Amino acid sequence: PQAVARWVRALFRGRRTPEPRSGAPRDP
């Protein structure tokens, strides 16, 4: 959740790049 909040705050500042990987990669 902390990483999601950091990412959202960055979006509001105009940063559109994804947050660096913070855990296991997406697995279908």
mmCIF file of all heavy atoms, coordinates in Angstrom:
data_MODEL
# 
_entry.id   MODEL 
# 
loop_
_atom_site.group_PDB 
_atom_site.id 
_atom_site.type_symbol 
_atom_site.label_atom_id 
_atom_site.label_alt_id 
_atom_site.label_comp_id 
_atom_site.label_asym_id 
_atom_site.label_entity_id 
_atom_site.label_seq_id 
_atom_site.pdbx_PDB_ins_code 
_atom_site.Cartn_x 
_atom_site.Cartn_y 
_atom_site.Cartn_z 
_atom_site.occupancy 
_atom_site.B_iso_or_equiv 
_atom_site.pdbx_formal_charge 
_atom_site.auth_seq_id 
_atom_site.auth_comp_id 
_atom_site.auth_asym_id 
_atom_site.auth_atom_id 
_atom_site.pdbx_PDB_model_num 
ATOM 1   N N   . PRO A 1 1  ? 0.805  -1.227  0.000   1.00 0.00 ? 1  PRO A N   1 
ATOM 2   C CA  . PRO A 1 1  ? 0.000  0.000   0.000   1.00 0.00 ? 1  PRO A CA  1 
ATOM 3   C C   . PRO A 1 1  ? 0.842  1.284   0.000   1.00 0.00 ? 1  PRO A C   1 
ATOM 4   O O   . PRO A 1 1  ? 0.476  2.265   -0.657  1.00 0.00 ? 1  PRO A O   1 
ATOM 5   C CB  . PRO A 1 1  ? -0.828 -0.121  1.279   1.00 0.00 ? 1  PRO A CB  1 
ATOM 6   C CG  . PRO A 1 1  ? -0.975 -1.602  1.467   1.00 0.00 ? 1  PRO A CG  1 
ATOM 7   C CD  . PRO A 1 1  ? 0.352  -2.163  1.037   1.00 0.00 ? 1  PRO A CD  1 
ATOM 8   N N   . GLN A 1 2  ? 1.980  1.283   0.699   1.00 0.00 ? 2  GLN A N   1 
ATOM 9   C CA  . GLN A 1 2  ? 2.837  2.460   0.723   1.00 0.00 ? 2  GLN A CA  1 
ATOM 10  C C   . GLN A 1 2  ? 3.357  2.781   -0.677  1.00 0.00 ? 2  GLN A C   1 
ATOM 11  O O   . GLN A 1 2  ? 3.474  3.950   -1.054  1.00 0.00 ? 2  GLN A O   1 
ATOM 12  C CB  . GLN A 1 2  ? 4.032  2.269   1.679   1.00 0.00 ? 2  GLN A CB  1 
ATOM 13  C CG  . GLN A 1 2  ? 3.643  1.977   3.098   1.00 0.00 ? 2  GLN A CG  1 
ATOM 14  C CD  . GLN A 1 2  ? 3.453  0.476   3.354   1.00 0.00 ? 2  GLN A CD  1 
ATOM 15  O OE1 . GLN A 1 2  ? 3.301  -0.347  2.451   1.00 0.00 ? 2  GLN A OE1 1 
ATOM 16  N NE2 . GLN A 1 2  ? 3.434  0.115   4.630   1.00 0.00 ? 2  GLN A NE2 1 
ATOM 17  N N   . ALA A 1 3  ? 3.703  1.758   -1.446  1.00 0.00 ? 3  ALA A N   1 
ATOM 18  C CA  . ALA A 1 3  ? 4.194  1.958   -2.804  1.00 0.00 ? 3  ALA A CA  1 
ATOM 19  C C   . ALA A 1 3  ? 3.095  2.512   -3.702  1.00 0.00 ? 3  ALA A C   1 
ATOM 20  O O   . ALA A 1 3  ? 3.349  3.377   -4.548  1.00 0.00 ? 3  ALA A O   1 
ATOM 21  C CB  . ALA A 1 3  ? 4.745  0.653   -3.371  1.00 0.00 ? 3  ALA A CB  1 
ATOM 22  N N   . VAL A 1 4  ? 1.878  2.044   -3.521  1.00 0.00 ? 4  VAL A N   1 
ATOM 23  C CA  . VAL A 1 4  ? 0.752  2.565   -4.309  1.00 0.00 ? 4  VAL A CA  1 
ATOM 24  C C   . VAL A 1 4  ? 0.556  4.046   -4.002  1.00 0.00 ? 4  VAL A C   1 
ATOM 25  O O   . VAL A 1 4  ? 0.382  4.863   -4.907  1.00 0.00 ? 4  VAL A O   1 
ATOM 26  C CB  . VAL A 1 4  ? -0.547 1.767   -4.026  1.00 0.00 ? 4  VAL A CB  1 
ATOM 27  C CG1 . VAL A 1 4  ? -1.721 2.374   -4.777  1.00 0.00 ? 4  VAL A CG1 1 
ATOM 28  C CG2 . VAL A 1 4  ? -0.363 0.306   -4.401  1.00 0.00 ? 4  VAL A CG2 1 
ATOM 29  N N   . ALA A 1 5  ? 0.601  4.409   -2.723  1.00 0.00 ? 5  ALA A N   1 
ATOM 30  C CA  . ALA A 1 5  ? 0.418  5.808   -2.338  1.00 0.00 ? 5  ALA A CA  1 
ATOM 31  C C   . ALA A 1 5  ? 1.532  6.692   -2.916  1.00 0.00 ? 5  ALA A C   1 
ATOM 32  O O   . ALA A 1 5  ? 1.258  7.795   -3.405  1.00 0.00 ? 5  ALA A O   1 
ATOM 33  C CB  . ALA A 1 5  ? 0.362  5.933   -0.819  1.00 0.00 ? 5  ALA A CB  1 
ATOM 34  N N   . ARG A 1 6  ? 2.781  6.223   -2.873  1.00 0.00 ? 6  ARG A N   1 
ATOM 35  C CA  . ARG A 1 6  ? 3.890  6.992   -3.473  1.00 0.00 ? 6  ARG A CA  1 
ATOM 36  C C   . ARG A 1 6  ? 3.645  7.200   -4.958  1.00 0.00 ? 6  ARG A C   1 
ATOM 37  O O   . ARG A 1 6  ? 3.863  8.287   -5.499  1.00 0.00 ? 6  ARG A O   1 
ATOM 38  C CB  . ARG A 1 6  ? 5.226  6.256   -3.281  1.00 0.00 ? 6  ARG A CB  1 
ATOM 39  C CG  . ARG A 1 6  ? 5.883  6.484   -1.958  1.00 0.00 ? 6  ARG A CG  1 
ATOM 40  C CD  . ARG A 1 6  ? 7.343  5.996   -1.964  1.00 0.00 ? 6  ARG A CD  1 
ATOM 41  N NE  . ARG A 1 6  ? 7.529  4.668   -2.524  1.00 0.00 ? 6  ARG A NE  1 
ATOM 42  C CZ  . ARG A 1 6  ? 7.430  3.535   -1.830  1.00 0.00 ? 6  ARG A CZ  1 
ATOM 43  N NH1 . ARG A 1 6  ? 7.127  3.561   -0.542  1.00 0.00 ? 6  ARG A NH1 1 
ATOM 44  N NH2 . ARG A 1 6  ? 7.637  2.375   -2.411  1.00 0.00 ? 6  ARG A NH2 1 
ATOM 45  N N   . TRP A 1 7  ? 3.211  6.147   -5.639  1.00 0.00 ? 7  TRP A N   1 
ATOM 46  C CA  . TRP A 1 7  ? 2.945  6.213   -7.074  1.00 0.00 ? 7  TRP A CA  1 
ATOM 47  C C   . TRP A 1 7  ? 1.845  7.211   -7.376  1.00 0.00 ? 7  TRP A C   1 
ATOM 48  O O   . TRP A 1 7  ? 1.972  8.029   -8.294  1.00 0.00 ? 7  TRP A O   1 
ATOM 49  C CB  . TRP A 1 7  ? 2.594  4.807   -7.576  1.00 0.00 ? 7  TRP A CB  1 
ATOM 50  C CG  . TRP A 1 7  ? 2.184  4.736   -9.006  1.00 0.00 ? 7  TRP A CG  1 
ATOM 51  C CD1 . TRP A 1 7  ? 2.974  4.931   -10.108 1.00 0.00 ? 7  TRP A CD1 1 
ATOM 52  C CD2 . TRP A 1 7  ? 0.884  4.429   -9.501  1.00 0.00 ? 7  TRP A CD2 1 
ATOM 53  N NE1 . TRP A 1 7  ? 2.231  4.750   -11.252 1.00 0.00 ? 7  TRP A NE1 1 
ATOM 54  C CE2 . TRP A 1 7  ? 0.955  4.444   -10.899 1.00 0.00 ? 7  TRP A CE2 1 
ATOM 55  C CE3 . TRP A 1 7  ? -0.331 4.135   -8.888  1.00 0.00 ? 7  TRP A CE3 1 
ATOM 56  C CZ2 . TRP A 1 7  ? -0.152 4.194   -11.708 1.00 0.00 ? 7  TRP A CZ2 1 
ATOM 57  C CZ3 . TRP A 1 7  ? -1.432 3.877   -9.685  1.00 0.00 ? 7  TRP A CZ3 1 
ATOM 58  C CH2 . TRP A 1 7  ? -1.340 3.904   -11.081 1.00 0.00 ? 7  TRP A CH2 1 
ATOM 59  N N   . VAL A 1 8  ? 0.767  7.188   -6.608  1.00 0.00 ? 8  VAL A N   1 
ATOM 60  C CA  . VAL A 1 8  ? -0.343 8.120   -6.830  1.00 0.00 ? 8  VAL A CA  1 
ATOM 61  C C   . VAL A 1 8  ? 0.124  9.561   -6.621  1.00 0.00 ? 8  VAL A C   1 
ATOM 62  O O   . VAL A 1 8  ? -0.174 10.448  -7.429  1.00 0.00 ? 8  VAL A O   1 
ATOM 63  C CB  . VAL A 1 8  ? -1.544 7.787   -5.918  1.00 0.00 ? 8  VAL A CB  1 
ATOM 64  C CG1 . VAL A 1 8  ? -2.583 8.902   -5.936  1.00 0.00 ? 8  VAL A CG1 1 
ATOM 65  C CG2 . VAL A 1 8  ? -2.176 6.467   -6.344  1.00 0.00 ? 8  VAL A CG2 1 
ATOM 66  N N   . ARG A 1 9  ? 0.887  9.815   -5.552  1.00 0.00 ? 9  ARG A N   1 
ATOM 67  C CA  . ARG A 1 9  ? 1.388  11.175  -5.311  1.00 0.00 ? 9  ARG A CA  1 
ATOM 68  C C   . ARG A 1 9  ? 2.274  11.633  -6.469  1.00 0.00 ? 9  ARG A C   1 
ATOM 69  O O   . ARG A 1 9  ? 2.229  12.793  -6.879  1.00 0.00 ? 9  ARG A O   1 
ATOM 70  C CB  . ARG A 1 9  ? 2.115  11.247  -3.980  1.00 0.00 ? 9  ARG A CB  1 
ATOM 71  C CG  . ARG A 1 9  ? 1.153  11.174  -2.791  1.00 0.00 ? 9  ARG A CG  1 
ATOM 72  C CD  . ARG A 1 9  ? 1.844  11.481  -1.470  1.00 0.00 ? 9  ARG A CD  1 
ATOM 73  N NE  . ARG A 1 9  ? 2.685  10.401  -0.979  1.00 0.00 ? 9  ARG A NE  1 
ATOM 74  C CZ  . ARG A 1 9  ? 2.239  9.374   -0.248  1.00 0.00 ? 9  ARG A CZ  1 
ATOM 75  N NH1 . ARG A 1 9  ? 0.965  9.276   0.071   1.00 0.00 ? 9  ARG A NH1 1 
ATOM 76  N NH2 . ARG A 1 9  ? 3.079  8.447   0.156   1.00 0.00 ? 9  ARG A NH2 1 
ATOM 77  N N   . ALA A 1 10 ? 3.084  10.724  -7.012  1.00 0.00 ? 10 ALA A N   1 
ATOM 78  C CA  . ALA A 1 10 ? 3.930  11.070  -8.160  1.00 0.00 ? 10 ALA A CA  1 
ATOM 79  C C   . ALA A 1 10 ? 3.075  11.391  -9.388  1.00 0.00 ? 10 ALA A C   1 
ATOM 80  O O   . ALA A 1 10 ? 3.402  12.316  -10.146 1.00 0.00 ? 10 ALA A O   1 
ATOM 81  C CB  . ALA A 1 10 ? 4.901  9.924   -8.462  1.00 0.00 ? 10 ALA A CB  1 
ATOM 82  N N   . LEU A 1 11 ? 1.997  10.660  -9.586  1.00 0.00 ? 11 LEU A N   1 
ATOM 83  C CA  . LEU A 1 11 ? 1.098  10.954  -10.713 1.00 0.00 ? 11 LEU A CA  1 
ATOM 84  C C   . LEU A 1 11 ? 0.542  12.366  -10.610 1.00 0.00 ? 11 LEU A C   1 
ATOM 85  O O   . LEU A 1 11 ? 0.448  13.089  -11.609 1.00 0.00 ? 11 LEU A O   1 
ATOM 86  C CB  . LEU A 1 11 ? -0.054 9.953   -10.763 1.00 0.00 ? 11 LEU A CB  1 
ATOM 87  C CG  . LEU A 1 11 ? 0.275  8.549   -11.230 1.00 0.00 ? 11 LEU A CG  1 
ATOM 88  C CD1 . LEU A 1 11 ? -0.940 7.642   -11.060 1.00 0.00 ? 11 LEU A CD1 1 
ATOM 89  C CD2 . LEU A 1 11 ? 0.739  8.553   -12.683 1.00 0.00 ? 11 LEU A CD2 1 
ATOM 90  N N   . PHE A 1 12 ? 0.154  12.777  -9.422  1.00 0.00 ? 12 PHE A N   1 
ATOM 91  C CA  . PHE A 1 12 ? -0.384 14.121  -9.234  1.00 0.00 ? 12 PHE A CA  1 
ATOM 92  C C   . PHE A 1 12 ? 0.682  15.192  -9.470  1.00 0.00 ? 12 PHE A C   1 
ATOM 93  O O   . PHE A 1 12 ? 0.357  16.335  -9.760  1.00 0.00 ? 12 PHE A O   1 
ATOM 94  C CB  . PHE A 1 12 ? -1.016 14.279  -7.848  1.00 0.00 ? 12 PHE A CB  1 
ATOM 95  C CG  . PHE A 1 12 ? -2.383 13.668  -7.758  1.00 0.00 ? 12 PHE A CG  1 
ATOM 96  C CD1 . PHE A 1 12 ? -2.632 12.606  -6.913  1.00 0.00 ? 12 PHE A CD1 1 
ATOM 97  C CD2 . PHE A 1 12 ? -3.432 14.146  -8.526  1.00 0.00 ? 12 PHE A CD2 1 
ATOM 98  C CE1 . PHE A 1 12 ? -3.892 12.023  -6.835  1.00 0.00 ? 12 PHE A CE1 1 
ATOM 99  C CE2 . PHE A 1 12 ? -4.697 13.579  -8.467  1.00 0.00 ? 12 PHE A CE2 1 
ATOM 100 C CZ  . PHE A 1 12 ? -4.932 12.521  -7.617  1.00 0.00 ? 12 PHE A CZ  1 
ATOM 101 N N   . ARG A 1 13 ? 1.948  14.812  -9.378  1.00 0.00 ? 13 ARG A N   1 
ATOM 102 C CA  . ARG A 1 13 ? 3.043  15.735  -9.691  1.00 0.00 ? 13 ARG A CA  1 
ATOM 103 C C   . ARG A 1 13 ? 3.441  15.661  -11.168 1.00 0.00 ? 13 ARG A C   1 
ATOM 104 O O   . ARG A 1 13 ? 4.374  16.343  -11.595 1.00 0.00 ? 13 ARG A O   1 
ATOM 105 C CB  . ARG A 1 13 ? 4.261  15.433  -8.824  1.00 0.00 ? 13 ARG A CB  1 
ATOM 106 C CG  . ARG A 1 13 ? 4.065  15.774  -7.351  1.00 0.00 ? 13 ARG A CG  1 
ATOM 107 C CD  . ARG A 1 13 ? 5.367  15.675  -6.563  1.00 0.00 ? 13 ARG A CD  1 
ATOM 108 N NE  . ARG A 1 13 ? 6.068  14.418  -6.714  1.00 0.00 ? 13 ARG A NE  1 
ATOM 109 C CZ  . ARG A 1 13 ? 5.912  13.356  -5.926  1.00 0.00 ? 13 ARG A CZ  1 
ATOM 110 N NH1 . ARG A 1 13 ? 5.051  13.393  -4.931  1.00 0.00 ? 13 ARG A NH1 1 
ATOM 111 N NH2 . ARG A 1 13 ? 6.612  12.264  -6.133  1.00 0.00 ? 13 ARG A NH2 1 
ATOM 112 N N   . GLY A 1 14 ? 2.776  14.803  -11.943 1.00 0.00 ? 14 GLY A N   1 
ATOM 113 C CA  . GLY A 1 14 ? 3.045  14.724  -13.374 1.00 0.00 ? 14 GLY A CA  1 
ATOM 114 C C   . GLY A 1 14 ? 3.930  13.583  -13.809 1.00 0.00 ? 14 GLY A C   1 
ATOM 115 O O   . GLY A 1 14 ? 4.238  13.450  -14.992 1.00 0.00 ? 14 GLY A O   1 
ATOM 116 N N   . ARG A 1 15 ? 4.355  12.726  -12.910 1.00 0.00 ? 15 ARG A N   1 
ATOM 117 C CA  . ARG A 1 15 ? 5.211  11.578  -13.257 1.00 0.00 ? 15 ARG A CA  1 
ATOM 118 C C   . ARG A 1 15 ? 4.330  10.413  -13.681 1.00 0.00 ? 15 ARG A C   1 
ATOM 119 O O   . ARG A 1 15 ? 3.507  9.942   -12.912 1.00 0.00 ? 15 ARG A O   1 
ATOM 120 C CB  . ARG A 1 15 ? 6.058  11.182  -12.053 1.00 0.00 ? 15 ARG A CB  1 
ATOM 121 C CG  . ARG A 1 15 ? 6.999  10.054  -12.340 1.00 0.00 ? 15 ARG A CG  1 
ATOM 122 C CD  . ARG A 1 15 ? 7.920  9.820   -11.146 1.00 0.00 ? 15 ARG A CD  1 
ATOM 123 N NE  . ARG A 1 15 ? 8.658  8.612   -11.361 1.00 0.00 ? 15 ARG A NE  1 
ATOM 124 C CZ  . ARG A 1 15 ? 8.512  7.508   -10.632 1.00 0.00 ? 15 ARG A CZ  1 
ATOM 125 N NH1 . ARG A 1 15 ? 7.670  7.469   -9.638  1.00 0.00 ? 15 ARG A NH1 1 
ATOM 126 N NH2 . ARG A 1 15 ? 9.219  6.436   -10.900 1.00 0.00 ? 15 ARG A NH2 1 
ATOM 127 N N   . ARG A 1 16 ? 4.505  9.922   -14.893 1.00 0.00 ? 16 ARG A N   1 
ATOM 128 C CA  . ARG A 1 16 ? 3.636  8.863   -15.438 1.00 0.00 ? 16 ARG A CA  1 
ATOM 129 C C   . ARG A 1 16 ? 4.302  7.499   -15.530 1.00 0.00 ? 16 ARG A C   1 
ATOM 130 O O   . ARG A 1 16 ? 3.683  6.540   -15.934 1.00 0.00 ? 16 ARG A O   1 
ATOM 131 C CB  . ARG A 1 16 ? 3.164  9.237   -16.840 1.00 0.00 ? 16 ARG A CB  1 
ATOM 132 C CG  . ARG A 1 16 ? 2.429  10.529  -16.890 1.00 0.00 ? 16 ARG A CG  1 
ATOM 133 C CD  . ARG A 1 16 ? 0.980  10.288  -16.919 1.00 0.00 ? 16 ARG A CD  1 
ATOM 134 N NE  . ARG A 1 16 ? 0.321  11.578  -16.985 1.00 0.00 ? 16 ARG A NE  1 
ATOM 135 C CZ  . ARG A 1 16 ? -0.927 11.738  -16.733 1.00 0.00 ? 16 ARG A CZ  1 
ATOM 136 N NH1 . ARG A 1 16 ? -1.666 10.720  -16.405 1.00 0.00 ? 16 ARG A NH1 1 
ATOM 137 N NH2 . ARG A 1 16 ? -1.470 12.920  -16.794 1.00 0.00 ? 16 ARG A NH2 1 
ATOM 138 N N   . THR A 1 17 ? 5.556  7.401   -15.175 1.00 0.00 ? 17 THR A N   1 
ATOM 139 C CA  . THR A 1 17 ? 6.237  6.112   -15.302 1.00 0.00 ? 17 THR A CA  1 
ATOM 140 C C   . THR A 1 17 ? 5.829  5.188   -14.163 1.00 0.00 ? 17 THR A C   1 
ATOM 141 O O   . THR A 1 17 ? 5.502  5.645   -13.071 1.00 0.00 ? 17 THR A O   1 
ATOM 142 C CB  . THR A 1 17 ? 7.764  6.295   -15.302 1.00 0.00 ? 17 THR A CB  1 
ATOM 143 O OG1 . THR A 1 17 ? 8.138  6.969   -14.108 1.00 0.00 ? 17 THR A OG1 1 
ATOM 144 C CG2 . THR A 1 17 ? 8.216  7.076   -16.515 1.00 0.00 ? 17 THR A CG2 1 
ATOM 145 N N   . PRO A 1 18 ? 5.840  3.885   -14.400 1.00 0.00 ? 18 PRO A N   1 
ATOM 146 C CA  . PRO A 1 18 ? 5.440  2.942   -13.346 1.00 0.00 ? 18 PRO A CA  1 
ATOM 147 C C   . PRO A 1 18 ? 6.391  2.981   -12.163 1.00 0.00 ? 18 PRO A C   1 
ATOM 148 O O   . PRO A 1 18 ? 7.561  3.318   -12.295 1.00 0.00 ? 18 PRO A O   1 
ATOM 149 C CB  . PRO A 1 18 ? 5.498  1.576   -14.029 1.00 0.00 ? 18 PRO A CB  1 
ATOM 150 C CG  . PRO A 1 18 ? 5.697  1.821   -15.467 1.00 0.00 ? 18 PRO A CG  1 
ATOM 151 C CD  . PRO A 1 18 ? 6.185  3.223   -15.642 1.00 0.00 ? 18 PRO A CD  1 
ATOM 152 N N   . GLU A 1 19 ? 5.852  2.619   -11.025 1.00 0.00 ? 19 GLU A N   1 
ATOM 153 C CA  . GLU A 1 19 ? 6.648  2.459   -9.805  1.00 0.00 ? 19 GLU A CA  1 
ATOM 154 C C   . GLU A 1 19 ? 7.619  1.300   -10.053 1.00 0.00 ? 19 GLU A C   1 
ATOM 155 O O   . GLU A 1 19 ? 7.268  0.307   -10.702 1.00 0.00 ? 19 GLU A O   1 
ATOM 156 C CB  . GLU A 1 19 ? 5.703  2.123   -8.657  1.00 0.00 ? 19 GLU A CB  1 
ATOM 157 C CG  . GLU A 1 19 ? 6.363  1.845   -7.356  1.00 0.00 ? 19 GLU A CG  1 
ATOM 158 C CD  . GLU A 1 19 ? 6.789  3.086   -6.592  1.00 0.00 ? 19 GLU A CD  1 
ATOM 159 O OE1 . GLU A 1 19 ? 6.402  4.196   -6.973  1.00 0.00 ? 19 GLU A OE1 1 
ATOM 160 O OE2 . GLU A 1 19 ? 7.523  2.922   -5.622  1.00 0.00 ? 19 GLU A OE2 1 
ATOM 161 N N   . PRO A 1 20 ? 8.854  1.404   -9.560  1.00 0.00 ? 20 PRO A N   1 
ATOM 162 C CA  . PRO A 1 20 ? 9.766  0.263   -9.699  1.00 0.00 ? 20 PRO A CA  1 
ATOM 163 C C   . PRO A 1 20 ? 9.168  -0.991  -9.068  1.00 0.00 ? 20 PRO A C   1 
ATOM 164 O O   . PRO A 1 20 ? 8.392  -0.898  -8.123  1.00 0.00 ? 20 PRO A O   1 
ATOM 165 C CB  . PRO A 1 20 ? 11.010 0.708   -8.934  1.00 0.00 ? 20 PRO A CB  1 
ATOM 166 C CG  . PRO A 1 20 ? 10.915 2.190   -8.855  1.00 0.00 ? 20 PRO A CG  1 
ATOM 167 C CD  . PRO A 1 20 ? 9.451  2.522   -8.876  1.00 0.00 ? 20 PRO A CD  1 
ATOM 168 N N   . ARG A 1 21 ? 9.518  -2.127  -9.604  1.00 0.00 ? 21 ARG A N   1 
ATOM 169 C CA  . ARG A 1 21 ? 9.002  -3.397  -9.092  1.00 0.00 ? 21 ARG A CA  1 
ATOM 170 C C   . ARG A 1 21 ? 9.245  -3.494  -7.596  1.00 0.00 ? 21 ARG A C   1 
ATOM 171 O O   . ARG A 1 21 ? 10.328 -3.265  -7.112  1.00 0.00 ? 21 ARG A O   1 
ATOM 172 C CB  . ARG A 1 21 ? 9.681  -4.550  -9.817  1.00 0.00 ? 21 ARG A CB  1 
ATOM 173 C CG  . ARG A 1 21 ? 9.178  -5.900  -9.332  1.00 0.00 ? 21 ARG A CG  1 
ATOM 174 C CD  . ARG A 1 21 ? 9.711  -7.025  -10.150 1.00 0.00 ? 21 ARG A CD  1 
ATOM 175 N NE  . ARG A 1 21 ? 9.037  -6.982  -11.422 1.00 0.00 ? 21 ARG A NE  1 
ATOM 176 C CZ  . ARG A 1 21 ? 9.461  -7.619  -12.500 1.00 0.00 ? 21 ARG A CZ  1 
ATOM 177 N NH1 . ARG A 1 21 ? 10.530 -8.342  -12.453 1.00 0.00 ? 21 ARG A NH1 1 
ATOM 178 N NH2 . ARG A 1 21 ? 8.794  -7.540  -13.614 1.00 0.00 ? 21 ARG A NH2 1 
ATOM 179 N N   . SER A 1 22 ? 8.180  -3.846  -6.862  1.00 0.00 ? 22 SER A N   1 
ATOM 180 C CA  . SER A 1 22 ? 8.298  -3.905  -5.405  1.00 0.00 ? 22 SER A CA  1 
ATOM 181 C C   . SER A 1 22 ? 8.066  -5.297  -4.852  1.00 0.00 ? 22 SER A C   1 
ATOM 182 O O   . SER A 1 22 ? 8.074  -5.491  -3.662  1.00 0.00 ? 22 SER A O   1 
ATOM 183 C CB  . SER A 1 22 ? 7.289  -2.939  -4.768  1.00 0.00 ? 22 SER A CB  1 
ATOM 184 O OG  . SER A 1 22 ? 5.983  -3.292  -5.162  1.00 0.00 ? 22 SER A OG  1 
ATOM 185 N N   . GLY A 1 23 ? 7.852  -6.263  -5.700  1.00 0.00 ? 23 GLY A N   1 
ATOM 186 C CA  . GLY A 1 23 ? 7.589  -7.609  -5.217  1.00 0.00 ? 23 GLY A CA  1 
ATOM 187 C C   . GLY A 1 23 ? 7.709  -8.596  -6.358  1.00 0.00 ? 23 GLY A C   1 
ATOM 188 O O   . GLY A 1 23 ? 8.411  -8.369  -7.324  1.00 0.00 ? 23 GLY A O   1 
ATOM 189 N N   . ALA A 1 24 ? 6.947  -9.654  -6.266  1.00 0.00 ? 24 ALA A N   1 
ATOM 190 C CA  . ALA A 1 24 ? 6.980  -10.691 -7.295  1.00 0.00 ? 24 ALA A CA  1 
ATOM 191 C C   . ALA A 1 24 ? 6.339  -10.170 -8.580  1.00 0.00 ? 24 ALA A C   1 
ATOM 192 O O   . ALA A 1 24 ? 5.381  -9.415  -8.541  1.00 0.00 ? 24 ALA A O   1 
ATOM 193 C CB  . ALA A 1 24 ? 6.231  -11.921 -6.801  1.00 0.00 ? 24 ALA A CB  1 
ATOM 194 N N   . PRO A 1 25 ? 6.873  -10.546 -9.730  1.00 0.00 ? 25 PRO A N   1 
ATOM 195 C CA  . PRO A 1 25 ? 6.269  -10.123 -10.988 1.00 0.00 ? 25 PRO A CA  1 
ATOM 196 C C   . PRO A 1 25 ? 4.877  -10.739 -11.155 1.00 0.00 ? 25 PRO A C   1 
ATOM 197 O O   . PRO A 1 25 ? 4.546  -11.739 -10.532 1.00 0.00 ? 25 PRO A O   1 
ATOM 198 C CB  . PRO A 1 25 ? 7.237  -10.648 -12.049 1.00 0.00 ? 25 PRO A CB  1 
ATOM 199 C CG  . PRO A 1 25 ? 7.973  -11.752 -11.380 1.00 0.00 ? 25 PRO A CG  1 
ATOM 200 C CD  . PRO A 1 25 ? 8.017  -11.415 -9.918  1.00 0.00 ? 25 PRO A CD  1 
ATOM 201 N N   . ARG A 1 26 ? 4.094  -10.102 -11.996 1.00 0.00 ? 26 ARG A N   1 
ATOM 202 C CA  . ARG A 1 26 ? 2.743  -10.587 -12.263 1.00 0.00 ? 26 ARG A CA  1 
ATOM 203 C C   . ARG A 1 26 ? 2.810  -11.997 -12.840 1.00 0.00 ? 26 ARG A C   1 
ATOM 204 O O   . ARG A 1 26 ? 3.578  -12.293 -13.731 1.00 0.00 ? 26 ARG A O   1 
ATOM 205 C CB  . ARG A 1 26 ? 2.069  -9.649  -13.265 1.00 0.00 ? 26 ARG A CB  1 
ATOM 206 C CG  . ARG A 1 26 ? 0.647  -10.026 -13.536 1.00 0.00 ? 26 ARG A CG  1 
ATOM 207 C CD  . ARG A 1 26 ? -0.027 -9.021  -14.433 1.00 0.00 ? 26 ARG A CD  1 
ATOM 208 N NE  . ARG A 1 26 ? 0.027  -7.718  -13.807 1.00 0.00 ? 26 ARG A NE  1 
ATOM 209 C CZ  . ARG A 1 26 ? 0.240  -6.600  -14.478 1.00 0.00 ? 26 ARG A CZ  1 
ATOM 210 N NH1 . ARG A 1 26 ? 0.421  -6.609  -15.760 1.00 0.00 ? 26 ARG A NH1 1 
ATOM 211 N NH2 . ARG A 1 26 ? 0.273  -5.443  -13.851 1.00 0.00 ? 26 ARG A NH2 1 
ATOM 212 N N   . ASP A 1 27 ? 2.008  -12.845 -12.295 1.00 0.00 ? 27 ASP A N   1 
ATOM 213 C CA  . ASP A 1 27 ? 1.934  -14.239 -12.712 1.00 0.00 ? 27 ASP A CA  1 
ATOM 214 C C   . ASP A 1 27 ? 0.468  -14.536 -13.008 1.00 0.00 ? 27 ASP A C   1 
ATOM 215 O O   . ASP A 1 27 ? -0.376 -14.364 -12.130 1.00 0.00 ? 27 ASP A O   1 
ATOM 216 C CB  . ASP A 1 27 ? 2.446  -15.135 -11.582 1.00 0.00 ? 27 ASP A CB  1 
ATOM 217 C CG  . ASP A 1 27 ? 2.291  -16.618 -11.864 1.00 0.00 ? 27 ASP A CG  1 
ATOM 218 O OD1 . ASP A 1 27 ? 1.762  -16.992 -12.936 1.00 0.00 ? 27 ASP A OD1 1 
ATOM 219 O OD2 . ASP A 1 27 ? 2.692  -17.407 -11.001 1.00 0.00 ? 27 ASP A OD2 1 
ATOM 220 N N   . PRO A 1 28 ? 0.142  -14.960 -14.232 1.00 0.00 ? 28 PRO A N   1 
ATOM 221 C CA  . PRO A 1 28 ? -1.271 -15.202 -14.545 1.00 0.00 ? 28 PRO A CA  1 
ATOM 222 C C   . PRO A 1 28 ? -1.898 -16.290 -13.673 1.00 0.00 ? 28 PRO A C   1 
ATOM 223 O O   . PRO A 1 28 ? -3.117 -16.378 -13.579 1.00 0.00 ? 28 PRO A O   1 
ATOM 224 C CB  . PRO A 1 28 ? -1.249 -15.622 -16.017 1.00 0.00 ? 28 PRO A CB  1 
ATOM 225 C CG  . PRO A 1 28 ? 0.151  -16.021 -16.295 1.00 0.00 ? 28 PRO A CG  1 
ATOM 226 C CD  . PRO A 1 28 ? 1.022  -15.280 -15.324 1.00 0.00 ? 28 PRO A CD  1 
# 
